[in-house]
């Protein structure tokens, strides 16, 4: 995958984020001084460290950018990518600040990266590299339950987070809350159920909420419910897979095309996402799957109701935006639509559900995991059986009053108290609903606000400014 600047002439990722910020800040009428304070990264650290592997000494470069400390700790993923650089990390850190502010998660924004291709290294080698990177971050307080909490991102997952948490524990053996130093860990290592699916699940909840807003759906020249809508997905990684799986299995959508690095799969009758994901994991690509075409542009230009870019930033740019034929685009990736492409889509009245809201499911459930690690108790542990007992008593009373037995096919579901994953999904759904409602209300409150992206950014900026003002900045 090539870098953003090689794919488009629209400018860099950071430039795209800044243009959106400036458009929203100008509508709010905040001063230039305050605009500068809110928009710039507070600090970006570059670390270079050596690891002896394969009889050689390899030197690796890592980044950790802290965009805003209006709330602490700061939060943001760490990606492993051969194309990572300072500009990309600072853009992602800025988006994290705005994202957390928008959905009212009490974190500032941060992001990190290690310039590495994980596929080039054996697992034991990756572990050594990750642990050394953790040591470099810990020296600078760039990993800490109270100051800076990383999470998985592109090229990393629960395994890498477990290594980082274990290394931090080794460096801080007397600290009680070491598990809270990172999120996205395996459940067996202090993680939370529902974290792996969180961003994809958030995409599902965001679309469900959008379809509850008739005015927004009418803007996109659509009507009716989510069921039956044709969906095209770009990128079948963790986020794209879960979004496609949930939308097809639980909401009745048809996934008619999936774009990947080596081509695309097209099937107007609907793609079996589980089968395609298995094929992708086994072969490394989508080639050979039923409906395969080697030209991804064919699928990019396919008519659909909903398009989900879930791959890389800058995937939709001024060079290919005219090909996109979707009523709704929901940004599962960070920055998949450039500022220039967004202007084109806005004129076409394509409803764009922006990244700083749409993919907030990951940081939301990370927040739940962080709280769980600090409280040292699983969600639902204290109240589940008491709720079950109260429900049984209520049903017994209903049966006595009516003289009828409660339907057995509903009884078990009603009686059982909520599990951890039930509570996680409930909390995520609530946050995604409220986030969309705030965006939509702001969008329709003023004719000068032209889309959901601008509305979302305005809300985020206001909340960050309010936080700074409360401490005298």
Foldseek 3Di string as FASTA:
>chain_A
DDALVVVDVLDHLLVLLLVLLVLLCVVVVDDPVLSVLLNAWPDKDKDWDWDQDPNRIDIKIKMKTFRDVLFPAAEEAEAEELPDDDSVQRSQQSLSQLLCLLLVPRHHGMYMYINHDVVVDDPVVVLVVLLVVLVVCVVVVCFDLTHHEYEHDHHDAQVSLLSSLVSQCVVVVPDQLSLLRYARHPVVSLYFPPLLLQLLLLLVLLQQLQLVDQVLQVLLVHHDGLAAFEEEEEDCDSNRLSNLVCCVPPVNYADQKYHDDQFIAGDPVHDPSVVQVVVCVVPVDNPPPHRTDRHNLVSQLDATAEYEYQDEANLQEPVNLVSHHYSEYEYSHAHNYGNHSVVVVLVVSRAYRHPSQSRCRNVLSSSVSSVCSVVVDAPPPPCFVVQLVVQVVVQVVVCVVVVDHDPPVCVVVRNGGDHRVSVSSVSSSVSSNVSVVQLVCQCVPDPSRRHSSSSSSSSSSVSSVVSVVVVPD
